C-alpha atoms as a PDB file:
ATOM      1  CA  MET A   1      69.603 -24.074  27.935  1.00  0.00           C
ATOM      2  CA  ALA A   2      71.353 -21.235  29.696  1.00  0.00           C
ATOM      3  CA  GLU A   3      74.302 -21.278  27.271  1.00  0.00           C
ATOM      4  CA  ARG A   4      72.121 -20.205  24.256  1.00  0.00           C
ATOM      5  CA  LYS A   5      71.220 -16.912  25.990  1.00  0.00           C
ATOM      6  CA  VAL A   6      74.685 -15.668  26.702  1.00  0.00           C
ATOM      7  CA  ILE A   7      75.419 -12.173  25.698  1.00  0.00           C
ATOM      8  CA  ASN A   8      79.174 -12.272  25.329  1.00  0.00           C
ATOM      9  CA  LYS A   9      80.888 -14.188  22.565  1.00  0.00           C
ATOM     10  CA  HIS A  10      84.321 -15.634  22.493  1.00  0.00           C
ATOM     11  CA  TYR A  11      86.349 -14.180  19.734  1.00  0.00           C
ATOM     12  CA  PRO A  12      89.893 -15.675  19.184  1.00  0.00           C
ATOM     13  CA  ASP A  13      92.911 -13.615  18.799  1.00  0.00           C
ATOM     14  CA  ASP A  14      93.532 -14.376  15.145  1.00  0.00           C
ATOM     15  CA  PHE A  15      89.718 -13.537  14.266  1.00  0.00           C
ATOM     16  CA  ASP A  16      89.736 -11.350  11.243  1.00  0.00           C
ATOM     17  CA  PRO A  17      86.080 -10.268  10.079  1.00  0.00           C
ATOM     18  CA  SER A  18      87.487  -9.101   6.545  1.00  0.00           C
ATOM     19  CA  LYS A  19      88.323 -12.785   5.886  1.00  0.00           C
ATOM     20  CA  ILE A  20      84.522 -13.921   6.197  1.00  0.00           C
ATOM     21  CA  PRO A  21      83.234 -14.732   2.708  1.00  0.00           C
ATOM     22  CA  ARG A  22      79.939 -12.960   2.084  1.00  0.00           C
ATOM     23  CA  ARG A  23      76.930 -13.992  -0.166  1.00  0.00           C
ATOM     24  CA  ARG A  24      76.822 -12.323  -3.394  1.00  0.00           C
ATOM     25  CA  GLN A  25      73.640 -10.302  -3.807  1.00  0.00           C
ATOM     26  CA  HIS A  26      72.372  -8.324  -6.730  1.00  0.00           C
ATOM     27  CA  LYS A  27      72.312  -4.757  -6.199  1.00  0.00           C
ATOM     28  CA  LYS A  28      68.814  -3.126  -5.938  1.00  0.00           C
ATOM     29  CA  GLN A  29      67.409  -6.285  -4.641  1.00  0.00           C
ATOM     30  CA  MET A  30      65.544  -6.636  -1.127  1.00  0.00           C
ATOM     31  CA  VAL A  31      63.921  -9.317   0.793  1.00  0.00           C
ATOM     32  CA  VAL A  32      60.222  -8.673   1.402  1.00  0.00           C
ATOM     33  CA  ARG A  33      57.573 -10.791   3.186  1.00  0.00           C
ATOM     34  CA  MET A  34      54.455 -11.196   0.936  1.00  0.00           C
ATOM     35  CA  MET A  35      51.632 -13.432   0.048  1.00  0.00           C
ATOM     36  CA  LEU A  36      51.294 -15.083  -3.205  1.00  0.00           C
ATOM     37  CA  PRO A  37      48.654 -12.994  -5.214  1.00  0.00           C
ATOM     38  CA  MET A  38      47.546 -16.035  -7.319  1.00  0.00           C
ATOM     39  CA  THR A  39      47.344 -19.688  -7.477  1.00  0.00           C
ATOM     40  CA  VAL A  40      50.271 -21.324  -9.418  1.00  0.00           C
ATOM     41  CA  ARG A  41      51.541 -24.811 -10.199  1.00  0.00           C
ATOM     42  CA  CYS A  42      55.143 -25.569  -9.928  1.00  0.00           C
ATOM     43  CA  ALA A  43      56.710 -26.574 -13.265  1.00  0.00           C
ATOM     44  CA  ALA A  44      59.163 -28.883 -11.702  1.00  0.00           C
ATOM     45  CA  CYS A  45      57.277 -31.039  -9.238  1.00  0.00           C
ATOM     46  CA  GLY A  46      53.636 -30.013 -10.182  1.00  0.00           C
ATOM     47  CA  GLU A  47      52.883 -28.809  -6.549  1.00  0.00           C
ATOM     48  CA  TYR A  48      49.777 -26.440  -6.363  1.00  0.00           C
ATOM     49  CA  ILE A  49      50.689 -23.369  -4.447  1.00  0.00           C
ATOM     50  CA  GLY A  50      47.403 -21.575  -3.418  1.00  0.00           C
ATOM     51  CA  ARG A  51      46.831 -17.768  -3.398  1.00  0.00           C
ATOM     52  CA  GLY A  52      47.642 -16.173  -0.011  1.00  0.00           C
ATOM     53  CA  THR A  53      50.553 -18.331   0.745  1.00  0.00           C
ATOM     54  CA  LYS A  54      53.432 -16.396   2.447  1.00  0.00           C
ATOM     55  CA  PHE A  55      56.909 -16.307   1.139  1.00  0.00           C
ATOM     56  CA  ASN A  56      60.100 -14.414   1.803  1.00  0.00           C
ATOM     57  CA  SER A  57      60.585 -13.161  -1.549  1.00  0.00           C
ATOM     58  CA  ARG A  58      63.287 -11.087  -3.279  1.00  0.00           C
ATOM     59  CA  LYS A  59      62.158  -7.986  -4.981  1.00  0.00           C
ATOM     60  CA  GLU A  60      63.825  -5.905  -7.653  1.00  0.00           C
ATOM     61  CA  ASP A  61      63.028  -3.190 -10.160  1.00  0.00           C
ATOM     62  CA  VAL A  62      62.680  -4.137 -13.767  1.00  0.00           C
ATOM     63  CA  ALA A  63      65.443  -2.161 -15.382  1.00  0.00           C
ATOM     64  CA  GLY A  64      64.313  -0.090 -18.521  1.00  0.00           C
ATOM     65  CA  GLU A  65      60.599  -1.046 -18.443  1.00  0.00           C
ATOM     66  CA  ARG A  66      57.917   1.490 -17.255  1.00  0.00           C
ATOM     67  CA  TYR A  67      54.127   1.407 -17.908  1.00  0.00           C
ATOM     68  CA  LEU A  68      53.143   4.505 -19.761  1.00  0.00           C
ATOM     69  CA  GLY A  69      56.435   5.962 -18.825  1.00  0.00           C
ATOM     70  CA  ALA A  70      55.534   6.487 -15.297  1.00  0.00           C
ATOM     71  CA  VAL A  71      54.444   3.292 -13.451  1.00  0.00           C
ATOM     72  CA  GLN A  72      57.604   1.169 -12.248  1.00  0.00           C
ATOM     73  CA  VAL A  73      57.411  -2.619 -12.791  1.00  0.00           C
ATOM     74  CA  PHE A  74      58.657  -4.998 -10.063  1.00  0.00           C
ATOM     75  CA  ARG A  75      59.964  -8.556 -10.236  1.00  0.00           C
ATOM     76  CA  PHE A  76      59.594 -11.234  -7.359  1.00  0.00           C
ATOM     77  CA  TYR A  77      61.642 -14.395  -6.808  1.00  0.00           C
ATOM     78  CA  ILE A  78      60.163 -17.144  -4.690  1.00  0.00           C
ATOM     79  CA  ARG A  79      60.783 -20.913  -4.118  1.00  0.00           C
ATOM     80  CA  CYS A  80      58.700 -23.838  -4.250  1.00  0.00           C
ATOM     81  CA  SER A  81      57.656 -25.144  -0.778  1.00  0.00           C
ATOM     82  CA  ARG A  82      58.167 -28.865  -1.855  1.00  0.00           C
ATOM     83  CA  CYS A  83      61.115 -28.933  -4.434  1.00  0.00           C
ATOM     84  CA  SER A  84      62.616 -25.488  -3.740  1.00  0.00           C
ATOM     85  CA  ALA A  85      62.580 -24.536  -7.281  1.00  0.00           C
ATOM     86  CA  GLU A  86      62.739 -20.752  -8.212  1.00  0.00           C
ATOM     87  CA  ILE A  87      59.489 -19.177  -9.492  1.00  0.00           C
ATOM     88  CA  VAL A  88      59.535 -15.800 -10.971  1.00  0.00           C
ATOM     89  CA  PHE A  89      56.651 -13.359 -11.528  1.00  0.00           C
ATOM     90  CA  ARG A  90      56.297  -9.669 -12.002  1.00  0.00           C
ATOM     91  CA  THR A  91      53.666  -6.973 -11.867  1.00  0.00           C
ATOM     92  CA  ASP A  92      51.448  -6.211 -14.751  1.00  0.00           C
ATOM     93  CA  PRO A  93      49.972  -2.651 -14.585  1.00  0.00           C
ATOM     94  CA  ALA A  94      48.105  -3.038 -17.792  1.00  0.00           C
ATOM     95  CA  SER A  95      45.768  -5.722 -16.445  1.00  0.00           C
ATOM     96  CA  ALA A  96      45.999  -4.508 -12.908  1.00  0.00           C
ATOM     97  CA  GLY A  97      47.471  -7.951 -11.882  1.00  0.00           C
ATOM     98  CA  TYR A  98      50.525 -10.201 -12.059  1.00  0.00           C
ATOM     99  CA  ALA A  99      52.157 -11.999 -14.759  1.00  0.00           C
ATOM    100  CA  LEU A 100      54.288 -15.343 -14.468  1.00  0.00           C
ATOM    101  CA  GLU A 101      57.692 -15.448 -15.969  1.00  0.00           C
ATOM    102  CA  SER A 102      59.244 -18.663 -15.417  1.00  0.00           C
ATOM    103  CA  GLY A 103      59.181 -21.799 -12.933  1.00  0.00           C
ATOM    104  CA  ALA A 104      55.356 -22.141 -12.691  1.00  0.00           C
ATOM    105  CA  THR A 105      52.130 -22.185 -14.619  1.00  0.00           C
ATOM    106  CA  ARG A 106      48.602 -20.841 -13.891  1.00  0.00           C
ATOM    107  CA  PRO A 107      45.842 -23.441 -13.652  1.00  0.00           C
ATOM    108  CA  SER A 108      43.272 -23.495 -16.369  1.00  0.00           C
ATOM    109  CA  TYR A 109      40.441 -22.957 -14.124  1.00  0.00           C
ATOM    110  CA  GLU A 110      41.860 -19.510 -13.217  1.00  0.00           C
ATOM    111  CA  PRO A 111      42.115 -17.561 -16.457  1.00  0.00           C
ATOM    112  CA  TRP A 112      44.613 -14.794 -17.035  1.00  0.00           C
ATOM    113  CA  PRO A 113      43.172 -11.333 -16.494  1.00  0.00           C
ATOM    114  CA  ALA A 114      43.809 -10.123 -20.050  1.00  0.00           C
ATOM    115  CA  ALA A 115      41.972 -13.160 -21.519  1.00  0.00           C
ATOM    116  CA  ALA A 116      39.137 -12.646 -19.024  1.00  0.00           C
ATOM    117  CA  ALA A 117      38.828  -9.036 -19.933  1.00  0.00           C
ATOM    118  CA  GLU A 118      38.830  -9.835 -23.615  1.00  0.00           C
ATOM    119  CA  ALA A 119      36.154 -12.560 -23.229  1.00  0.00           C
ATOM    120  CA  GLY A 120      34.008 -10.173 -21.026  1.00  0.00           C
ATOM    121  CA  ARG A 121      34.389  -7.522 -23.921  1.00  0.00           C
ATOM    122  CA  GLU A 122      33.370  -9.912 -26.571  1.00  0.00           C
ATOM    123  CA  GLU A 123      30.450 -11.253 -24.537  1.00  0.00           C
ATOM    124  CA  ARG A 124      29.185  -7.466 -23.929  1.00  0.00           C
ATOM    125  CA  GLY A 125      29.610  -6.479 -27.488  1.00  0.00           C
ATOM    126  CA  GLY A 126      28.652  -9.898 -29.021  1.00  0.00           C
ATOM    127  CA  GLY A 127      31.496  -9.558 -31.536  1.00  0.00           C
ATOM    128  CA  ASP A 128      29.167  -7.558 -33.807  1.00  0.00           C
ATOM    129  CA  ALA A 129      30.281  -4.690 -35.766  1.00  0.00           C
ATOM    130  CA  MET A 130      26.939  -3.031 -35.634  1.00  0.00           C
ATOM    131  CA  THR A 131      26.829  -3.292 -31.807  1.00  0.00           C
ATOM    132  CA  ALA A 132      30.247  -1.581 -31.667  1.00  0.00           C
ATOM    133  CA  LEU A 133      29.128   1.149 -34.067  1.00  0.00           C
ATOM    134  CA  GLU A 134      25.939   1.785 -31.805  1.00  0.00           C
ATOM    135  CA  GLY A 135      28.290   2.019 -28.777  1.00  0.00           C
ATOM    136  CA  ARG A 136      30.504   4.530 -30.328  1.00  0.00           C
ATOM    137  CA  CYS A 137      27.533   6.623 -31.631  1.00  0.00           C
ATOM    138  CA  ARG A 138      26.128   6.591 -28.130  1.00  0.00           C
ATOM    139  CA  ASP A 139      29.437   7.636 -26.552  1.00  0.00           C
ATOM    140  CA  ALA A 140      29.527  10.411 -29.094  1.00  0.00           C
ATOM    141  CA  ARG A 141      26.226  11.794 -28.467  1.00  0.00           C
ATOM    142  CA  ARG A 142      27.184  11.651 -24.625  1.00  0.00           C
ATOM    143  CA  GLU A 143      30.153  13.724 -25.308  1.00  0.00           C
ATOM    144  CA  MET A 144      28.173  16.148 -27.513  1.00  0.00           C
ATOM    145  CA  GLY A 145      25.581  16.772 -24.627  1.00  0.00           C
ATOM    146  CA  VAL A 146      28.348  17.289 -22.169  1.00  0.00           C
ATOM    147  CA  ASP A 147      30.004  19.799 -24.514  1.00  0.00           C
ATOM    148  CA  ALA A 148      26.808  21.715 -25.079  1.00  0.00           C
ATOM    149  CA  ALA A 149      26.155  22.038 -21.376  1.00  0.00           C
ATOM    150  CA  LEU A 150      29.508  23.104 -20.744  1.00  0.00           C
ATOM    151  CA  GLU A 151      29.285  25.732 -23.359  1.00  0.00           C
ATOM    152  CA  GLU A 152      25.937  26.938 -21.941  1.00  0.00           C
ATOM    153  CA  MET A 153      27.547  27.189 -18.519  1.00  0.00           C
ATOM    154  CA  ARG A 154      30.307  29.290 -19.856  1.00  0.00           C
ATOM    155  CA  SER A 155      28.111  31.674 -21.686  1.00  0.00           C
ATOM    156  CA  LEU A 156      25.887  32.223 -18.594  1.00  0.00           C
ATOM    157  CA  LYS A 157      28.940  32.786 -16.511  1.00  0.00           C
ATOM    158  CA  SER A 158      30.273  35.323 -18.968  1.00  0.00           C
ATOM    159  CA  ARG A 159      26.793  37.125 -19.054  1.00  0.00           C
ATOM    160  CA  ARG A 160      26.733  37.215 -15.187  1.00  0.00           C
ATOM    161  CA  ALA A 161      30.304  38.570 -15.151  1.00  0.00           C
ATOM    162  CA  GLY A 162      29.247  41.796 -16.766  1.00  0.00           C
ATOM    163  CA  VAL A 163      26.231  42.580 -14.475  1.00  0.00           C
ATOM    164  CA  THR A 164      26.893  44.929 -11.454  1.00  0.00           C
ATOM    165  CA  PRO A 165      25.328  44.747  -8.149  1.00  0.00           C
ATOM    166  CA  GLU A 166      23.300  47.971  -8.850  1.00  0.00           C
ATOM    167  CA  GLN A 167      21.937  46.306 -12.050  1.00  0.00           C
ATOM    168  CA  LEU A 168      20.946  43.301 -10.273  1.00  0.00           C
ATOM    169  CA  LEU A 169      19.094  45.147  -7.425  1.00  0.00           C
ATOM    170  CA  GLU A 170      17.155  47.238  -9.916  1.00  0.00           C
ATOM    171  CA  SER A 171      16.066  44.060 -11.762  1.00  0.00           C
ATOM    172  CA  LEU A 172      14.907  42.499  -8.605  1.00  0.00           C
ATOM    173  CA  ARG A 173      12.884  45.777  -7.710  1.00  0.00           C
ATOM    174  CA  ARG A 174      11.251  45.888 -11.240  1.00  0.00           C
ATOM    175  CA  ARG A 175      10.339  42.134 -10.818  1.00  0.00           C
ATOM    176  CA  GLY A 176       8.868  42.870  -7.427  1.00  0.00           C
ATOM    177  CA  GLU A 177       6.625  45.746  -8.687  1.00  0.00           C
ATOM    178  CA  ALA A 178       5.436  43.832 -11.536  1.00  0.00           C
ATOM    179  CA  LEU A 179       4.336  40.945  -9.235  1.00  0.00           C
ATOM    180  CA  ALA A 180       2.658  43.486  -6.998  1.00  0.00           C
ATOM    181  CA  GLU A 181       0.667  44.955  -9.809  1.00  0.00           C
ATOM    182  CA  LEU A 182      -0.430  41.393 -10.939  1.00  0.00           C
ATOM    183  CA  GLU A 183      -1.665  40.451  -7.529  1.00  0.00           C
ATOM    184  CA  GLU A 184      -3.732  43.785  -7.123  1.00  0.00           C
ATOM    185  CA  ASP A 185      -5.407  42.938 -10.645  1.00  0.00           C
ATOM    186  CA  ASP A 186      -6.139  39.622  -9.412  1.00  0.00           C
ATOM    187  CA  GLU A 187      -7.703  40.933  -6.291  1.00  0.00           C
ATOM    188  CA  LYS A 188      -9.901  43.451  -8.096  1.00  0.00           C
ATOM    189  CA  LEU A 189     -11.113  40.769 -10.595  1.00  0.00           C
ATOM    190  CA  ILE A 190     -12.084  38.396  -7.670  1.00  0.00           C
ATOM    191  CA  SER A 191     -13.998  41.132  -5.784  1.00  0.00           C
ATOM    192  CA  SER A 192     -15.797  42.164  -8.858  1.00  0.00           C
ATOM    193  CA  ILE A 193     -16.836  38.462  -9.543  1.00  0.00           C
ATOM    194  CA  ALA A 194     -17.678  37.515  -5.949  1.00  0.00           C
ATOM    195  CA  PHE A 195     -19.536  40.799  -4.781  1.00  0.00           C
ATOM    196  CA  GLY A 196     -20.504  42.478  -8.054  1.00  0.00           C
ATOM    197  CA  ASN A 197     -20.828  46.236  -8.122  1.00  0.00           C
ATOM    198  CA  ALA A 198     -21.587  46.736  -4.383  1.00  0.00           C
ATOM    199  CA  LYS A 199     -21.348  50.636  -4.588  1.00  0.00           C
ATOM    200  CA  GLU A 200     -24.102  50.911  -7.403  1.00  0.00           C
ATOM    201  CA  ARG A 201     -26.570  48.732  -5.276  1.00  0.00           C
ATOM    202  CA  SER A 202     -29.104  50.525  -3.102  1.00  0.00           C
ATOM    203  CA  LEU A 203     -30.342  48.974   0.052  1.00  0.00           C
ATOM    204  CA  ARG A 204     -34.252  49.060   0.659  1.00  0.00           C
ATOM    205  CA  ARG A 205     -35.166  49.807   4.181  1.00  0.00           C
ATOM    206  CA  ILE A 206     -38.360  48.444   5.688  1.00  0.00           C
ATOM    207  CA  ASP A 207     -40.731  50.935   7.384  1.00  0.00           C
ATOM    208  CA  ASP A 208     -42.740  50.253  10.530  1.00  0.00           C
ATOM    209  CA  GLY A 209     -45.941  50.809   8.692  1.00  0.00           C
ATOM    210  CA  ASP A 210     -45.206  47.802   6.371  1.00  0.00           C
ATOM    211  CA  ASP A 211     -44.824  45.565   9.600  1.00  0.00           C
ATOM    212  CA  GLU A 212     -48.345  46.858  10.799  1.00  0.00           C
ATOM    213  CA  ASP A 213     -49.801  46.005   7.421  1.00  0.00           C
ATOM    214  CA  ASP A 214     -48.353  42.591   7.398  1.00  0.00           C
ATOM    215  CA  GLU A 215     -49.756  41.953  10.931  1.00  0.00           C
ATOM    216  CA  GLU A 216     -53.323  43.164   9.933  1.00  0.00           C
ATOM    217  CA  ASP A 217     -53.201  40.878   6.688  1.00  0.00           C
ATOM    218  CA  PHE A 218     -52.066  37.906   8.864  1.00  0.00           C
ATOM    219  CA  PHE A 219     -54.895  38.302  11.358  1.00  0.00           C
ATOM    220  CA  GLU A 220     -57.529  38.906   8.616  1.00  0.00           C
ATOM    221  CA  SER A 221     -56.430  35.812   6.921  1.00  0.00           C
ATOM    222  CA  CYS A 222     -56.488  33.777  10.204  1.00  0.00           C
ATOM    223  CA  LEU A 223     -60.140  35.086  10.910  1.00  0.00           C
ATOM    224  CA  ALA A 224     -61.331  34.026   7.461  1.00  0.00           C
ATOM    225  CA  ARG A 225     -59.850  30.699   7.927  1.00  0.00           C
ATOM    226  CA  ALA A 226     -61.450  30.337  11.272  1.00  0.00           C
ATOM    227  CA  ALA A 227     -64.798  31.378   9.946  1.00  0.00           C
ATOM    228  CA  MET A 228     -64.728  28.865   7.027  1.00  0.00           C
ATOM    229  CA  ALA A 229     -63.879  26.100   9.495  1.00  0.00           C
ATOM    230  CA  THR A 230     -66.694  26.748  11.760  1.00  0.00           C
ATOM    231  CA  THR A 231     -69.178  26.901   8.732  1.00  0.00           C
ATOM    232  CA  SER A 232     -68.022  23.665   7.464  1.00  0.00           C
ATOM    233  CA  HIS A 233     -68.190  22.097  10.926  1.00  0.00           C
ATOM    234  CA  GLN A 234     -71.809  23.097  11.482  1.00  0.00           C
ATOM    235  CA  ALA A 235     -72.742  22.021   7.947  1.00  0.00           C
ATOM    236  CA  LYS A 236     -71.474  18.477   8.665  1.00  0.00           C
ATOM    237  CA  LYS A 237     -73.437  18.195  11.927  1.00  0.00           C
ATOM    238  CA  ARG A 238     -76.733  19.577  10.319  1.00  0.00           C
ATOM    239  CA  PRO A 239     -79.010  16.554   9.383  1.00  0.00           C
ATOM    240  CA  PRO A 240     -79.894  16.056   5.860  1.00  0.00           C
ATOM    241  CA  PRO A 241     -83.194  17.720   4.797  1.00  0.00           C
ATOM    242  CA  PRO A 242     -86.302  15.217   4.508  1.00  0.00           C
ATOM    243  CA  PRO A 243     -87.793  14.368   1.266  1.00  0.00           C
ATOM    244  CA  ARG A 244     -90.478  16.414  -0.356  1.00  0.00           C
ATOM    245  CA  ASP A 245     -93.145  13.780   0.283  1.00  0.00           C
ATOM    246  CA  ALA A 246     -92.423  13.691   3.830  1.00  0.00           C
ATOM    247  CA  VAL A 247     -92.580  17.385   4.221  1.00  0.00           C
ATOM    248  CA  LYS A 248     -95.964  17.684   2.645  1.00  0.00           C
ATOM    249  CA  SER A 249     -97.379  14.964   5.108  1.00  0.00           C
ATOM    250  CA  LEU A 250     -95.599  16.310   8.117  1.00  0.00           C
ATOM    251  CA  VAL A 251     -97.928  18.262  10.692  1.00  0.00           C
ATOM    252  CA  VAL A 252     -96.247  20.672  13.054  1.00  0.00           C
ATOM    253  CA  SER A 253     -98.041  21.133  16.380  1.00  0.00           C
ATOM    254  CA  LYS A 254     -96.882  23.685  18.748  1.00  0.00           C
ATOM    255  CA  LYS A 255     -96.785  22.989  22.433  1.00  0.00           C
ATOM    256  CA  ARG A 256     -97.090  25.695  24.910  1.00  0.00           C
ATOM    257  CA  ARG A 257     -94.749  25.807  27.879  1.00  0.00           C
ATOM    258  CA  PRO A 258     -95.253  27.730  31.146  1.00  0.00           C
ATOM    259  CA  GLU A 259     -93.302  31.250  31.502  1.00  0.00           C
ATOM    260  CA  SER A 260     -91.704  30.235  34.670  1.00  0.00           C
ATOM    261  CA  MET A 261     -90.051  27.299  32.968  1.00  0.00           C
ATOM    262  CA  ASP A 262     -88.861  29.383  30.250  1.00  0.00           C
ATOM    263  CA  GLN A 263     -87.272  32.044  32.495  1.00  0.00           C
ATOM    264  CA  ALA A 264     -85.584  29.362  34.597  1.00  0.00           C
ATOM    265  CA  ALA A 265     -84.078  27.511  31.572  1.00  0.00           C
ATOM    266  CA  TRP A 266     -82.842  30.667  29.805  1.00  0.00           C
ATOM    267  CA  PRO A 267     -81.105  33.357  32.013  1.00  0.00           C
ATOM    268  CA  PRO A 268     -81.710  36.898  31.283  1.00  0.00           C
ATOM    269  CA  SER A 269     -79.661  38.464  28.452  1.00  0.00           C
ATOM    270  CA  SER A 270     -77.044  41.028  29.616  1.00  0.00           C
ATOM    271  CA  GLY A 271     -76.723  42.578  26.119  1.00  0.00           C
ATOM    272  CA  LYS A 272     -73.363  41.099  25.322  1.00  0.00           C
ATOM    273  CA  THR A 273     -72.573  38.152  22.876  1.00  0.00           C
ATOM    274  CA  THR A 274     -70.245  35.456  24.002  1.00  0.00           C
ATOM    275  CA  ALA A 275     -68.051  33.738  21.505  1.00  0.00           C
ATOM    276  CA  SER A 276     -68.511  29.987  21.449  1.00  0.00           C
ATOM    277  CA  ASN A 277     -65.171  29.409  20.453  1.00  0.00           C
ATOM    278  CA  GLY A 278     -62.128  30.367  22.595  1.00  0.00           C
ATOM    279  CA  ALA A 279     -59.586  30.348  19.806  1.00  0.00           C
ATOM    280  CA  LEU A 280     -61.760  32.679  17.812  1.00  0.00           C
ATOM    281  CA  GLN A 281     -62.032  35.093  20.739  1.00  0.00           C
ATOM    282  CA  VAL A 282     -58.221  35.289  21.038  1.00  0.00           C
ATOM    283  CA  LEU A 283     -57.836  35.850  17.369  1.00  0.00           C
ATOM    284  CA  CYS A 284     -60.332  38.708  17.406  1.00  0.00           C
ATOM    285  CA  CYS A 285     -58.557  40.757  20.172  1.00  0.00           C
ATOM    286  CA  ASN A 286     -57.497  44.286  19.149  1.00  0.00           C
ATOM    287  CA  TYR A 287     -53.547  44.050  19.095  1.00  0.00           C
ATOM    288  CA  ASP A 288     -53.583  47.714  17.862  1.00  0.00           C
ATOM    289  CA  ASP A 289     -54.467  48.910  21.422  1.00  0.00           C
ATOM    290  CA  GLU A 290     -51.290  49.649  23.121  1.00  0.00           C
ATOM    291  CA  GLU A 291     -52.961  50.076  26.565  1.00  0.00           C
END
């Protein structure tokens, strides 16, 4: 194994590098390592080559062909992994994919990009002329709306271009004054509704004499109620009068009592009357006497 890793090589004396034959290679071709972008079937042996298989391919520019005059088209050469047959395919910028030229075919379960796009377009449109017309009308209305908005923006920009900073400040000042006046009017309206004409109203002051009159009226009413309550209570306790027949047949006999017994039973009068009810005495006090 050591002889494989030697650095020096033996060149004979009669060695001439110019005499070594070289492989002919097309100009503008280069070898690139790439992955197969689609699944293909070899036309020679029928081998399926899956998408993503790596190959050392030769790439070249397609002479005289450009998409829309700007996008370059490339051609690739690979060989089948089973029979080494050459397969050629190229880029297709119109469908954003690749197109086979020779040596292989695409399986039926993987449609061509152009056919798939056409089928999707027909499915969306339903192949109906009226549906296509509605779509075109919708696109036209959208374009008209965009044009109107653009024109409005342009006119607004042209109007703003002629306004000076001084004019803008003056406009803002006038707007602020108008808003202040509106707020002041609103406050006046609210105050007039909520409080009325407060300045025109006069306040009535209560005198001390009114308070005294009210107190006297209150005590008089209390005394009257107490007297009525006492009268009604005595009337309830009084026995009912006897019938007239019993009064005619009734004989009243007066019994005499000794004077000593009368004096002991009834104490001498001091000349002052005592109230039988304590509450009545409290109500009859003289509140006007400040002493």
